[in-house]
Amino acid sequence: MRLSKAVGRAAVVGIATLATFGVSTTTASAGVTQSIRTERAGAWFYHYGDVLVASDYKKDGIGARAILTWGGNKVVVTANGGVNDSEEKDLNIKEGTTVWLQLCYTGGSTSCSAVQKGIA
């Protein structure tokens, strides 16, 4: 009978410990990666590592500009080198922050995509 009481007490202590730590730990936010791609260029925001990438797919004189905004911040990365040229920038954005990604052409064309919502 003593052994079962000791096991019961250990179980209660273990459950209380798990409950205490379960309440005090935070869960990681699942970010949202975004990409915008066309036949000429692409823009990506990778939520893991907070990386902004611009890629130029064609040697046609028109480059790619990836624009990322959040809060009052704005970061621009440009790739103008033609066939499969890419530029990237590592960022440090607070986890769970809403970000907005946009792709614009450079050179002969200045058109831009709509913005897409991501989460760091």
PDB file of N, CA and C in Angstrom:
ATOM      1  N   MET A   1       0.816  -1.181   0.000  1.00  0.00           N
ATOM      2  CA  MET A   1       0.000   0.000   0.000  1.00  0.00           C
ATOM      3  C   MET A   1       0.867   1.253   0.000  1.00  0.00           C
ATOM      4  N   ARG A   2       1.977   1.227   0.723  1.00  0.00           N
ATOM      5  CA  ARG A   2       2.857   2.380   0.762  1.00  0.00           C
ATOM      6  C   ARG A   2       3.400   2.728  -0.620  1.00  0.00           C
ATOM      7  N   LEU A   3       3.766   1.702  -1.408  1.00  0.00           N
ATOM      8  CA  LEU A   3       4.319   1.928  -2.730  1.00  0.00           C
ATOM      9  C   LEU A   3       3.311   2.633  -3.625  1.00  0.00           C
ATOM     10  N   SER A   4       2.043   2.229  -3.576  1.00  0.00           N
ATOM     11  CA  SER A   4       1.041   2.858  -4.428  1.00  0.00           C
ATOM     12  C   SER A   4       0.812   4.314  -4.022  1.00  0.00           C
ATOM     13  N   LYS A   5       0.883   4.640  -2.724  1.00  0.00           N
ATOM     14  CA  LYS A   5       0.752   6.025  -2.280  1.00  0.00           C
ATOM     15  C   LYS A   5       1.924   6.857  -2.782  1.00  0.00           C
ATOM     16  N   ALA A   6       3.136   6.294  -2.713  1.00  0.00           N
ATOM     17  CA  ALA A   6       4.323   7.015  -3.182  1.00  0.00           C
ATOM     18  C   ALA A   6       4.229   7.265  -4.689  1.00  0.00           C
ATOM     19  N   VAL A   7       3.784   6.259  -5.432  1.00  0.00           N
ATOM     20  CA  VAL A   7       3.631   6.408  -6.881  1.00  0.00           C
ATOM     21  C   VAL A   7       2.562   7.453  -7.174  1.00  0.00           C
ATOM     22  N   GLY A   8       1.478   7.432  -6.418  1.00  0.00           N
ATOM     23  CA  GLY A   8       0.401   8.407  -6.596  1.00  0.00           C
ATOM     24  C   GLY A   8       0.891   9.824  -6.334  1.00  0.00           C
ATOM     25  N   ARG A   9       1.651  10.010  -5.257  1.00  0.00           N
ATOM     26  CA  ARG A   9       2.201  11.329  -4.954  1.00  0.00           C
ATOM     27  C   ARG A   9       3.161  11.793  -6.052  1.00  0.00           C
ATOM     28  N   ALA A  10       4.000  10.890  -6.526  1.00  0.00           N
ATOM     29  CA  ALA A  10       4.946  11.242  -7.597  1.00  0.00           C
ATOM     30  C   ALA A  10       4.180  11.652  -8.856  1.00  0.00           C
ATOM     31  N   ALA A  11       3.096  10.965  -9.146  1.00  0.00           N
ATOM     32  CA  ALA A  11       2.296  11.307 -10.322  1.00  0.00           C
ATOM     33  C   ALA A  11       1.679  12.698 -10.163  1.00  0.00           C
ATOM     34  N   VAL A  12       1.165  13.004  -8.969  1.00  0.00           N
ATOM     35  CA  VAL A  12       0.568  14.312  -8.721  1.00  0.00           C
ATOM     36  C   VAL A  12       1.624  15.403  -8.854  1.00  0.00           C
ATOM     37  N   VAL A  13       2.808  15.182  -8.292  1.00  0.00           N
ATOM     38  CA  VAL A  13       3.896  16.153  -8.391  1.00  0.00           C
ATOM     39  C   VAL A  13       4.303  16.330  -9.854  1.00  0.00           C
ATOM     40  N   GLY A  14       4.408  15.232 -10.591  1.00  0.00           N
ATOM     41  CA  GLY A  14       4.783  15.300 -12.002  1.00  0.00           C
ATOM     42  C   GLY A  14       3.764  16.064 -12.823  1.00  0.00           C
ATOM     43  N   ILE A  15       2.483  15.819 -12.586  1.00  0.00           N
ATOM     44  CA  ILE A  15       1.427  16.521 -13.313  1.00  0.00           C
ATOM     45  C   ILE A  15       1.448  18.010 -12.964  1.00  0.00           C
ATOM     46  N   ALA A  16       1.636  18.326 -11.690  1.00  0.00           N
ATOM     47  CA  ALA A  16       1.700  19.726 -11.278  1.00  0.00           C
ATOM     48  C   ALA A  16       2.901  20.422 -11.922  1.00  0.00           C
ATOM     49  N   THR A  17       4.012  19.727 -11.997  1.00  0.00           N
ATOM     50  CA  THR A  17       5.206  20.300 -12.625  1.00  0.00           C
ATOM     51  C   THR A  17       4.963  20.557 -14.109  1.00  0.00           C
ATOM     52  N   LEU A  18       4.374  19.583 -14.798  1.00  0.00           N
ATOM     53  CA  LEU A  18       4.068  19.757 -16.222  1.00  0.00           C
ATOM     54  C   LEU A  18       3.104  20.914 -16.431  1.00  0.00           C
ATOM     55  N   ALA A  19       2.106  21.012 -15.576  1.00  0.00           N
ATOM     56  CA  ALA A  19       1.142  22.102 -15.712  1.00  0.00           C
ATOM     57  C   ALA A  19       1.817  23.453 -15.514  1.00  0.00           C
ATOM     58  N   THR A  20       2.713  23.518 -14.536  1.00  0.00           N
ATOM     59  CA  THR A  20       3.406  24.773 -14.273  1.00  0.00           C
ATOM     60  C   THR A  20       4.270  25.172 -15.464  1.00  0.00           C
ATOM     61  N   PHE A  21       5.051  24.241 -15.980  1.00  0.00           N
ATOM     62  CA  PHE A  21       5.911  24.563 -17.115  1.00  0.00           C
ATOM     63  C   PHE A  21       5.096  24.786 -18.377  1.00  0.00           C
ATOM     64  N   GLY A  22       4.015  24.061 -18.556  1.00  0.00           N
ATOM     65  CA  GLY A  22       3.166  24.241 -19.724  1.00  0.00           C
ATOM     66  C   GLY A  22       2.575  25.640 -19.776  1.00  0.00           C
ATOM     67  N   VAL A  23       2.225  26.191 -18.630  1.00  0.00           N
ATOM     68  CA  VAL A  23       1.654  27.533 -18.583  1.00  0.00           C
ATOM     69  C   VAL A  23       2.726  28.593 -18.812  1.00  0.00           C
ATOM     70  N   SER A  24       3.948  28.321 -18.361  1.00  0.00           N
ATOM     71  CA  SER A  24       4.975  29.350 -18.429  1.00  0.00           C
ATOM     72  C   SER A  24       5.730  29.383 -19.756  1.00  0.00           C
ATOM     73  N   THR A  25       5.602  28.359 -20.585  1.00  0.00           N
ATOM     74  CA  THR A  25       6.314  28.372 -21.860  1.00  0.00           C
ATOM     75  C   THR A  25       5.443  28.996 -22.933  1.00  0.00           C
ATOM     76  N   THR A  26       6.102  29.592 -23.932  1.00  0.00           N
ATOM     77  CA  THR A  26       5.366  30.181 -25.035  1.00  0.00           C
ATOM     78  C   THR A  26       5.510  29.295 -26.257  1.00  0.00           C
ATOM     79  N   THR A  27       4.522  29.308 -27.089  1.00  0.00           N
ATOM     80  CA  THR A  27       4.599  28.518 -28.305  1.00  0.00           C
ATOM     81  C   THR A  27       5.188  29.381 -29.414  1.00  0.00           C
ATOM     82  N   ALA A  28       5.944  28.763 -30.285  1.00  0.00           N
ATOM     83  CA  ALA A  28       6.559  29.494 -31.393  1.00  0.00           C
ATOM     84  C   ALA A  28       5.489  29.861 -32.406  1.00  0.00           C
ATOM     85  N   SER A  29       5.602  31.056 -32.928  1.00  0.00           N
ATOM     86  CA  SER A  29       4.681  31.526 -33.948  1.00  0.00           C
ATOM     87  C   SER A  29       5.056  30.899 -35.277  1.00  0.00           C
ATOM     88  N   ALA A  30       4.070  30.431 -35.996  1.00  0.00           N
ATOM     89  CA  ALA A  30       4.331  29.897 -37.323  1.00  0.00           C
ATOM     90  C   ALA A  30       4.232  31.035 -38.320  1.00  0.00           C
ATOM     91  N   GLY A  31       5.355  31.420 -38.880  1.00  0.00           N
ATOM     92  CA  GLY A  31       5.377  32.511 -39.842  1.00  0.00           C
ATOM     93  C   GLY A  31       4.782  32.085 -41.174  1.00  0.00           C
ATOM     94  N   VAL A  32       4.650  33.041 -42.068  1.00  0.00           N
ATOM     95  CA  VAL A  32       4.104  32.771 -43.389  1.00  0.00           C
ATOM     96  C   VAL A  32       5.071  33.315 -44.438  1.00  0.00           C
ATOM     97  N   THR A  33       5.650  32.420 -45.229  1.00  0.00           N
ATOM     98  CA  THR A  33       6.522  32.796 -46.334  1.00  0.00           C
ATOM     99  C   THR A  33       5.657  33.257 -47.499  1.00  0.00           C
ATOM    100  N   GLN A  34       6.148  34.249 -48.243  1.00  0.00           N
ATOM    101  CA  GLN A  34       5.411  34.748 -49.409  1.00  0.00           C
ATOM    102  C   GLN A  34       6.318  34.776 -50.625  1.00  0.00           C
ATOM    103  N   SER A  35       5.717  34.579 -51.800  1.00  0.00           N
ATOM    104  CA  SER A  35       6.466  34.731 -53.046  1.00  0.00           C
ATOM    105  C   SER A  35       5.556  35.321 -54.112  1.00  0.00           C
ATOM    106  N   ILE A  36       6.180  36.095 -54.987  1.00  0.00           N
ATOM    107  CA  ILE A  36       5.486  36.654 -56.141  1.00  0.00           C
ATOM    108  C   ILE A  36       6.378  36.326 -57.332  1.00  0.00           C
ATOM    109  N   ARG A  37       5.848  35.599 -58.316  1.00  0.00           N
ATOM    110  CA  ARG A  37       6.660  35.191 -59.454  1.00  0.00           C
ATOM    111  C   ARG A  37       5.961  35.505 -60.761  1.00  0.00           C
ATOM    112  N   THR A  38       6.730  35.968 -61.713  1.00  0.00           N
ATOM    113  CA  THR A  38       6.240  36.188 -63.072  1.00  0.00           C
ATOM    114  C   THR A  38       7.220  35.489 -64.017  1.00  0.00           C
ATOM    115  N   GLU A  39       6.987  35.574 -65.312  1.00  0.00           N
ATOM    116  CA  GLU A  39       7.933  34.957 -66.247  1.00  0.00           C
ATOM    117  C   GLU A  39       9.257  35.719 -66.300  1.00  0.00           C
ATOM    118  N   ARG A  40       9.275  36.969 -65.853  1.00  0.00           N
ATOM    119  CA  ARG A  40      10.493  37.800 -65.886  1.00  0.00           C
ATOM    120  C   ARG A  40      11.261  37.822 -64.573  1.00  0.00           C
ATOM    121  N   ALA A  41      10.556  37.748 -63.446  1.00  0.00           N
ATOM    122  CA  ALA A  41      11.219  38.017 -62.166  1.00  0.00           C
ATOM    123  C   ALA A  41      10.455  37.410 -60.996  1.00  0.00           C
ATOM    124  N   GLY A  42      11.072  37.476 -59.817  1.00  0.00           N
ATOM    125  CA  GLY A  42      10.419  36.984 -58.612  1.00  0.00           C
ATOM    126  C   GLY A  42      10.874  37.738 -57.377  1.00  0.00           C
ATOM    127  N   ALA A  43      10.022  37.712 -56.368  1.00  0.00           N
ATOM    128  CA  ALA A  43      10.327  38.296 -55.056  1.00  0.00           C
ATOM    129  C   ALA A  43       9.878  37.294 -54.003  1.00  0.00           C
ATOM    130  N   TRP A  44      10.697  37.101 -52.982  1.00  0.00           N
ATOM    131  CA  TRP A  44      10.377  36.167 -51.909  1.00  0.00           C
ATOM    132  C   TRP A  44      10.669  36.798 -50.562  1.00  0.00           C
ATOM    133  N   PHE A  45       9.829  36.449 -49.595  1.00  0.00           N
ATOM    134  CA  PHE A  45      10.131  36.699 -48.191  1.00  0.00           C
ATOM    135  C   PHE A  45      10.042  35.352 -47.504  1.00  0.00           C
ATOM    136  N   TYR A  46      11.179  34.881 -46.969  1.00  0.00           N
ATOM    137  CA  TYR A  46      11.223  33.621 -46.232  1.00  0.00           C
ATOM    138  C   TYR A  46      11.130  33.941 -44.752  1.00  0.00           C
ATOM    139  N   HIS A  47      10.051  33.490 -44.114  1.00  0.00           N
ATOM    140  CA  HIS A  47       9.848  33.811 -42.700  1.00  0.00           C
ATOM    141  C   HIS A  47      10.882  33.157 -41.802  1.00  0.00           C
ATOM    142  N   TYR A  48      11.396  31.991 -42.170  1.00  0.00           N
ATOM    143  CA  TYR A  48      12.448  31.368 -41.375  1.00  0.00           C
ATOM    144  C   TYR A  48      13.759  32.007 -41.818  1.00  0.00           C
ATOM    145  N   GLY A  49      14.381  32.748 -40.937  1.00  0.00           N
ATOM    146  CA  GLY A  49      15.599  33.467 -41.259  1.00  0.00           C
ATOM    147  C   GLY A  49      15.353  34.899 -41.693  1.00  0.00           C
ATOM    148  N   ASP A  50      14.089  35.262 -41.935  1.00  0.00           N
ATOM    149  CA  ASP A  50      13.745  36.636 -42.344  1.00  0.00           C
ATOM    150  C   ASP A  50      14.622  37.096 -43.507  1.00  0.00           C
ATOM    151  N   VAL A  51      14.501  36.423 -44.644  1.00  0.00           N
ATOM    152  CA  VAL A  51      15.317  36.734 -45.810  1.00  0.00           C
ATOM    153  C   VAL A  51      14.419  37.293 -46.917  1.00  0.00           C
ATOM    154  N   LEU A  52      14.858  38.415 -47.500  1.00  0.00           N
ATOM    155  CA  LEU A  52      14.173  39.027 -48.636  1.00  0.00           C
ATOM    156  C   LEU A  52      15.027  38.779 -49.875  1.00  0.00           C
ATOM    157  N   VAL A  53      14.397  38.283 -50.957  1.00  0.00           N
ATOM    158  CA  VAL A  53      15.119  37.922 -52.177  1.00  0.00           C
ATOM    159  C   VAL A  53      14.429  38.528 -53.390  1.00  0.00           C
ATOM    160  N   ALA A  54      15.251  39.065 -54.317  1.00  0.00           N
ATOM    161  CA  ALA A  54      14.779  39.498 -55.631  1.00  0.00           C
ATOM    162  C   ALA A  54      15.531  38.684 -56.671  1.00  0.00           C
ATOM    163  N   SER A  55      14.819  38.184 -57.695  1.00  0.00           N
ATOM    164  CA  SER A  55      15.450  37.404 -58.754  1.00  0.00           C
ATOM    165  C   SER A  55      15.026  37.930 -60.117  1.00  0.00           C
ATOM    166  N   ASP A  56      16.014  38.077 -60.982  1.00  0.00           N
ATOM    167  CA  ASP A  56      15.799  38.497 -62.368  1.00  0.00           C
ATOM    168  C   ASP A  56      16.014  37.260 -63.230  1.00  0.00           C
ATOM    169  N   TYR A  57      15.013  36.872 -64.033  1.00  0.00           N
ATOM    170  CA  TYR A  57      15.093  35.632 -64.791  1.00  0.00           C
ATOM    171  C   TYR A  57      15.601  35.798 -66.220  1.00  0.00           C
ATOM    172  N   LYS A  58      15.489  36.998 -66.794  1.00  0.00           N
ATOM    173  CA  LYS A  58      15.804  37.188 -68.214  1.00  0.00           C
ATOM    174  C   LYS A  58      16.770  38.343 -68.424  1.00  0.00           C
ATOM    175  N   LYS A  59      17.610  38.213 -69.420  1.00  0.00           N
ATOM    176  CA  LYS A  59      18.532  39.292 -69.790  1.00  0.00           C
ATOM    177  C   LYS A  59      17.811  40.145 -70.837  1.00  0.00           C
ATOM    178  N   ASP A  60      16.882  40.971 -70.343  1.00  0.00           N
ATOM    179  CA  ASP A  60      16.041  41.783 -71.235  1.00  0.00           C
ATOM    180  C   ASP A  60      16.065  43.264 -70.868  1.00  0.00           C
ATOM    181  N   GLY A  61      16.975  43.647 -69.974  1.00  0.00           N
ATOM    182  CA  GLY A  61      17.066  45.045 -69.567  1.00  0.00           C
ATOM    183  C   GLY A  61      16.080  45.443 -68.486  1.00  0.00           C
ATOM    184  N   ILE A  62      15.232  44.506 -68.083  1.00  0.00           N
ATOM    185  CA  ILE A  62      14.261  44.780 -67.020  1.00  0.00           C
ATOM    186  C   ILE A  62      14.640  43.924 -65.814  1.00  0.00           C
ATOM    187  N   GLY A  63      14.850  44.566 -64.687  1.00  0.00           N
ATOM    188  CA  GLY A  63      15.251  43.863 -63.480  1.00  0.00           C
ATOM    189  C   GLY A  63      14.103  43.683 -62.508  1.00  0.00           C
ATOM    190  N   ALA A  64      14.438  43.174 -61.329  1.00  0.00           N
ATOM    191  CA  ALA A  64      13.453  42.888 -60.287  1.00  0.00           C
ATOM    192  C   ALA A  64      13.791  43.642 -59.022  1.00  0.00           C
ATOM    193  N   ARG A  65      12.779  44.176 -58.387  1.00  0.00           N
ATOM    194  CA  ARG A  65      12.940  44.856 -57.103  1.00  0.00           C
ATOM    195  C   ARG A  65      11.941  44.231 -56.137  1.00  0.00           C
ATOM    196  N   ALA A  66      12.445  43.628 -55.059  1.00  0.00           N
ATOM    197  CA  ALA A  66      11.600  43.086 -53.995  1.00  0.00           C
ATOM    198  C   ALA A  66      11.514  44.133 -52.903  1.00  0.00           C
ATOM    199  N   ILE A  67      10.305  44.461 -52.501  1.00  0.00           N
ATOM    200  CA  ILE A  67      10.085  45.482 -51.467  1.00  0.00           C
ATOM    201  C   ILE A  67       9.335  44.828 -50.312  1.00  0.00           C
ATOM    202  N   LEU A  68       9.870  44.976 -49.107  1.00  0.00           N
ATOM    203  CA  LEU A  68       9.218  44.440 -47.914  1.00  0.00           C
ATOM    204  C   LEU A  68       8.991  45.582 -46.941  1.00  0.00           C
ATOM    205  N   THR A  69       7.767  45.724 -46.459  1.00  0.00           N
ATOM    206  CA  THR A  69       7.448  46.756 -45.474  1.00  0.00           C
ATOM    207  C   THR A  69       6.786  46.121 -44.263  1.00  0.00           C
ATOM    208  N   TRP A  70       7.001  46.741 -43.115  1.00  0.00           N
ATOM    209  CA  TRP A  70       6.339  46.357 -41.869  1.00  0.00           C
ATOM    210  C   TRP A  70       6.489  47.511 -40.900  1.00  0.00           C
ATOM    211  N   GLY A  71       5.440  47.781 -40.149  1.00  0.00           N
ATOM    212  CA  GLY A  71       5.483  48.930 -39.255  1.00  0.00           C
ATOM    213  C   GLY A  71       5.894  50.158 -40.049  1.00  0.00           C
ATOM    214  N   GLY A  72       6.891  50.883 -39.607  1.00  0.00           N
ATOM    215  CA  GLY A  72       7.407  52.021 -40.353  1.00  0.00           C
ATOM    216  C   GLY A  72       8.671  51.679 -41.130  1.00  0.00           C
ATOM    217  N   ASN A  73       8.942  50.396 -41.330  1.00  0.00           N
ATOM    218  CA  ASN A  73      10.179  49.958 -41.980  1.00  0.00           C
ATOM    219  C   ASN A  73       9.951  49.576 -43.440  1.00  0.00           C
ATOM    220  N   LYS A  74      10.990  49.780 -44.246  1.00  0.00           N
ATOM    221  CA  LYS A  74      10.938  49.399 -45.656  1.00  0.00           C
ATOM    222  C   LYS A  74      12.331  48.951 -46.085  1.00  0.00           C
ATOM    223  N   VAL A  75      12.415  47.764 -46.704  1.00  0.00           N
ATOM    224  CA  VAL A  75      13.680  47.239 -47.209  1.00  0.00           C
ATOM    225  C   VAL A  75      13.480  46.897 -48.681  1.00  0.00           C
ATOM    226  N   VAL A  76      14.471  47.264 -49.505  1.00  0.00           N
ATOM    227  CA  VAL A  76      14.410  47.024 -50.944  1.00  0.00           C
ATOM    228  C   VAL A  76      15.636  46.231 -51.367  1.00  0.00           C
ATOM    229  N   VAL A  77      15.422  45.186 -52.167  1.00  0.00           N
ATOM    230  CA  VAL A  77      16.510  44.398 -52.745  1.00  0.00           C
ATOM    231  C   VAL A  77      16.286  44.374 -54.247  1.00  0.00           C
ATOM    232  N   THR A  78      17.351  44.652 -55.037  1.00  0.00           N
ATOM    233  CA  THR A  78      17.226  44.740 -56.486  1.00  0.00           C
ATOM    234  C   THR A  78      18.190  43.785 -57.177  1.00  0.00           C
ATOM    235  N   ALA A  79      17.674  43.079 -58.188  1.00  0.00           N
ATOM    236  CA  ALA A  79      18.490  42.208 -59.041  1.00  0.00           C
ATOM    237  C   ALA A  79      18.310  42.666 -60.482  1.00  0.00           C
ATOM    238  N   ASN A  80      19.399  43.089 -61.120  1.00  0.00           N
ATOM    239  CA  ASN A  80      19.342  43.607 -62.486  1.00  0.00           C
ATOM    240  C   ASN A  80      20.238  42.842 -63.453  1.00  0.00           C
ATOM    241  N   GLY A  81      20.819  41.739 -63.034  1.00  0.00           N
ATOM    242  CA  GLY A  81      21.849  41.084 -63.831  1.00  0.00           C
ATOM    243  C   GLY A  81      21.385  40.168 -64.934  1.00  0.00           C
ATOM    244  N   GLY A  82      20.104  39.989 -65.104  1.00  0.00           N
ATOM    245  CA  GLY A  82      19.649  39.096 -66.158  1.00  0.00           C
ATOM    246  C   GLY A  82      19.521  37.668 -65.684  1.00  0.00           C
ATOM    247  N   VAL A  83      19.695  36.747 -66.607  1.00  0.00           N
ATOM    248  CA  VAL A  83      19.396  35.340 -66.407  1.00  0.00           C
ATOM    249  C   VAL A  83      19.804  34.820 -65.022  1.00  0.00           C
ATOM    250  N   ASN A  84      18.797  34.530 -64.228  1.00  0.00           N
ATOM    251  CA  ASN A  84      18.940  33.927 -62.900  1.00  0.00           C
ATOM    252  C   ASN A  84      19.829  34.707 -61.933  1.00  0.00           C
ATOM    253  N   ASP A  85      19.861  36.022 -62.042  1.00  0.00           N
ATOM    254  CA  ASP A  85      20.562  36.855 -61.079  1.00  0.00           C
ATOM    255  C   ASP A  85      19.669  37.041 -59.863  1.00  0.00           C
ATOM    256  N   SER A  86      20.226  36.857 -58.675  1.00  0.00           N
ATOM    257  CA  SER A  86      19.462  37.049 -57.439  1.00  0.00           C
ATOM    258  C   SER A  86      20.267  37.861 -56.447  1.00  0.00           C
ATOM    259  N   GLU A  87      19.559  38.662 -55.700  1.00  0.00           N
ATOM    260  CA  GLU A  87      20.141  39.407 -54.589  1.00  0.00           C
ATOM    261  C   GLU A  87      19.274  39.133 -53.373  1.00  0.00           C
ATOM    262  N   GLU A  88      19.895  39.097 -52.202  1.00  0.00           N
ATOM    263  CA  GLU A  88      19.120  38.857 -50.986  1.00  0.00           C
ATOM    264  C   GLU A  88      19.657  39.669 -49.838  1.00  0.00           C
ATOM    265  N   LYS A  89      18.805  39.821 -48.836  1.00  0.00           N
ATOM    266  CA  LYS A  89      19.183  40.568 -47.631  1.00  0.00           C
ATOM    267  C   LYS A  89      18.602  39.845 -46.433  1.00  0.00           C
ATOM    268  N   ASP A  90      19.465  39.602 -45.440  1.00  0.00           N
ATOM    269  CA  ASP A  90      19.022  39.021 -44.178  1.00  0.00           C
ATOM    270  C   ASP A  90      18.477  40.134 -43.301  1.00  0.00           C
ATOM    271  N   LEU A  91      17.336  39.877 -42.708  1.00  0.00           N
ATOM    272  CA  LEU A  91      16.677  40.862 -41.856  1.00  0.00           C
ATOM    273  C   LEU A  91      16.513  40.297 -40.457  1.00  0.00           C
ATOM    274  N   ASN A  92      16.114  41.116 -39.547  1.00  0.00           N
ATOM    275  CA  ASN A  92      15.837  40.681 -38.177  1.00  0.00           C
ATOM    276  C   ASN A  92      14.508  41.301 -37.779  1.00  0.00           C
ATOM    277  N   ILE A  93      13.435  40.572 -38.031  1.00  0.00           N
ATOM    278  CA  ILE A  93      12.090  41.068 -37.782  1.00  0.00           C
ATOM    279  C   ILE A  93      11.485  40.257 -36.638  1.00  0.00           C
ATOM    280  N   LYS A  94      10.851  40.927 -35.721  1.00  0.00           N
ATOM    281  CA  LYS A  94      10.248  40.257 -34.562  1.00  0.00           C
ATOM    282  C   LYS A  94       9.251  39.203 -35.032  1.00  0.00           C
ATOM    283  N   GLU A  95       9.372  38.032 -34.461  1.00  0.00           N
ATOM    284  CA  GLU A  95       8.496  36.922 -34.807  1.00  0.00           C
ATOM    285  C   GLU A  95       7.031  37.297 -34.618  1.00  0.00           C
ATOM    286  N   GLY A  96       6.213  36.947 -35.588  1.00  0.00           N
ATOM    287  CA  GLY A  96       4.787  37.234 -35.522  1.00  0.00           C
ATOM    288  C   GLY A  96       4.394  38.564 -36.147  1.00  0.00           C
ATOM    289  N   THR A  97       5.386  39.341 -36.607  1.00  0.00           N
ATOM    290  CA  THR A  97       5.114  40.644 -37.222  1.00  0.00           C
ATOM    291  C   THR A  97       4.531  40.462 -38.622  1.00  0.00           C
ATOM    292  N   THR A  98       3.488  41.211 -38.942  1.00  0.00           N
ATOM    293  CA  THR A  98       2.920  41.202 -40.286  1.00  0.00           C
ATOM    294  C   THR A  98       3.826  41.997 -41.209  1.00  0.00           C
ATOM    295  N   VAL A  99       4.144  41.415 -42.362  1.00  0.00           N
ATOM    296  CA  VAL A  99       4.982  42.070 -43.369  1.00  0.00           C
ATOM    297  C   VAL A  99       4.227  42.095 -44.695  1.00  0.00           C
ATOM    298  N   TRP A 100       4.628  43.003 -45.577  1.00  0.00           N
ATOM    299  CA  TRP A 100       3.986  43.150 -46.886  1.00  0.00           C
ATOM    300  C   TRP A 100       5.059  43.085 -47.966  1.00  0.00           C
ATOM    301  N   LEU A 101       4.886  42.156 -48.913  1.00  0.00           N
ATOM    302  CA  LEU A 101       5.847  41.934 -49.991  1.00  0.00           C
ATOM    303  C   LEU A 101       5.277  42.443 -51.309  1.00  0.00           C
ATOM    304  N   GLN A 102       6.143  43.088 -52.105  1.00  0.00           N
ATOM    305  CA  GLN A 102       5.743  43.562 -53.423  1.00  0.00           C
ATOM    306  C   GLN A 102       6.903  43.358 -54.396  1.00  0.00           C
ATOM    307  N   LEU A 103       6.587  43.031 -55.643  1.00  0.00           N
ATOM    308  CA  LEU A 103       7.562  42.894 -56.718  1.00  0.00           C
ATOM    309  C   LEU A 103       7.352  44.029 -57.707  1.00  0.00           C
ATOM    310  N   CYS A 104       8.435  44.747 -58.023  1.00  0.00           N
ATOM    311  CA  CYS A 104       8.388  45.799 -59.045  1.00  0.00           C
ATOM    312  C   CYS A 104       9.476  45.518 -60.065  1.00  0.00           C
ATOM    313  N   TYR A 105       9.210  45.893 -61.313  1.00  0.00           N
ATOM    314  CA  TYR A 105      10.227  45.822 -62.353  1.00  0.00           C
ATOM    315  C   TYR A 105      11.055  47.093 -62.340  1.00  0.00           C
ATOM    316  N   THR A 106      12.303  46.985 -62.784  1.00  0.00           N
ATOM    317  CA  THR A 106      13.179  48.146 -62.937  1.00  0.00           C
ATOM    318  C   THR A 106      13.568  48.248 -64.403  1.00  0.00           C
ATOM    319  N   GLY A 107      14.145  49.344 -64.776  1.00  0.00           N
ATOM    320  CA  GLY A 107      14.578  49.504 -66.160  1.00  0.00           C
ATOM    321  C   GLY A 107      13.466  50.076 -67.009  1.00  0.00           C
ATOM    322  N   GLY A 108      13.202  49.458 -68.149  1.00  0.00           N
ATOM    323  CA  GLY A 108      12.196  49.959 -69.090  1.00  0.00           C
ATOM    324  C   GLY A 108      10.773  49.908 -68.583  1.00  0.00           C
ATOM    325  N   SER A 109      10.517  49.114 -67.562  1.00  0.00           N
ATOM    326  CA  SER A 109       9.169  48.992 -67.015  1.00  0.00           C
ATOM    327  C   SER A 109       9.203  49.320 -65.531  1.00  0.00           C
ATOM    328  N   THR A 110       8.206  50.026 -65.065  1.00  0.00           N
ATOM    329  CA  THR A 110       8.169  50.351 -63.630  1.00  0.00           C
ATOM    330  C   THR A 110       6.901  49.805 -62.987  1.00  0.00           C
ATOM    331  N   SER A 111       6.279  48.814 -63.598  1.00  0.00           N
ATOM    332  CA  SER A 111       5.051  48.271 -63.028  1.00  0.00           C
ATOM    333  C   SER A 111       5.348  47.445 -61.771  1.00  0.00           C
ATOM    334  N   CYS A 112       4.374  47.390 -60.887  1.00  0.00           N
ATOM    335  CA  CYS A 112       4.504  46.670 -59.622  1.00  0.00           C
ATOM    336  C   CYS A 112       3.313  45.737 -59.416  1.00  0.00           C
ATOM    337  N   SER A 113       3.545  44.684 -58.689  1.00  0.00           N
ATOM    338  CA  SER A 113       2.478  43.764 -58.326  1.00  0.00           C
ATOM    339  C   SER A 113       1.657  44.337 -57.180  1.00  0.00           C
ATOM    340  N   ALA A 114       0.570  43.695 -56.890  1.00  0.00           N
ATOM    341  CA  ALA A 114      -0.160  43.976 -55.648  1.00  0.00           C
ATOM    342  C   ALA A 114       0.713  43.508 -54.483  1.00  0.00           C
ATOM    343  N   VAL A 115       0.458  43.989 -53.283  1.00  0.00           N
ATOM    344  CA  VAL A 115       1.224  43.528 -52.118  1.00  0.00           C
ATOM    345  C   VAL A 115       0.594  42.246 -51.582  1.00  0.00           C
ATOM    346  N   GLN A 116       1.447  41.420 -50.996  1.00  0.00           N
ATOM    347  CA  GLN A 116       1.008  40.167 -50.376  1.00  0.00           C
ATOM    348  C   GLN A 116       1.435  40.161 -48.924  1.00  0.00           C
ATOM    349  N   LYS A 117       0.557  39.657 -48.090  1.00  0.00           N
ATOM    350  CA  LYS A 117       0.780  39.625 -46.644  1.00  0.00           C
ATOM    351  C   LYS A 117       1.531  38.363 -46.231  1.00  0.00           C
ATOM    352  N   GLY A 118       2.587  38.576 -45.446  1.00  0.00           N
ATOM    353  CA  GLY A 118       3.326  37.479 -44.843  1.00  0.00           C
ATOM    354  C   GLY A 118       3.445  37.721 -43.346  1.00  0.00           C
ATOM    355  N   ILE A 119       4.002  36.762 -42.655  1.00  0.00           N
ATOM    356  CA  ILE A 119       4.222  36.890 -41.211  1.00  0.00           C
ATOM    357  C   ILE A 119       5.628  36.418 -40.884  1.00  0.00           C
ATOM    358  N   ALA A 120       6.373  37.279 -40.210  1.00  0.00           N
ATOM    359  CA  ALA A 120       7.764  36.948 -39.841  1.00  0.00           C
ATOM    360  C   ALA A 120       7.793  35.874 -38.771  1.00  0.00           C
TER     361      ALA A 120
END
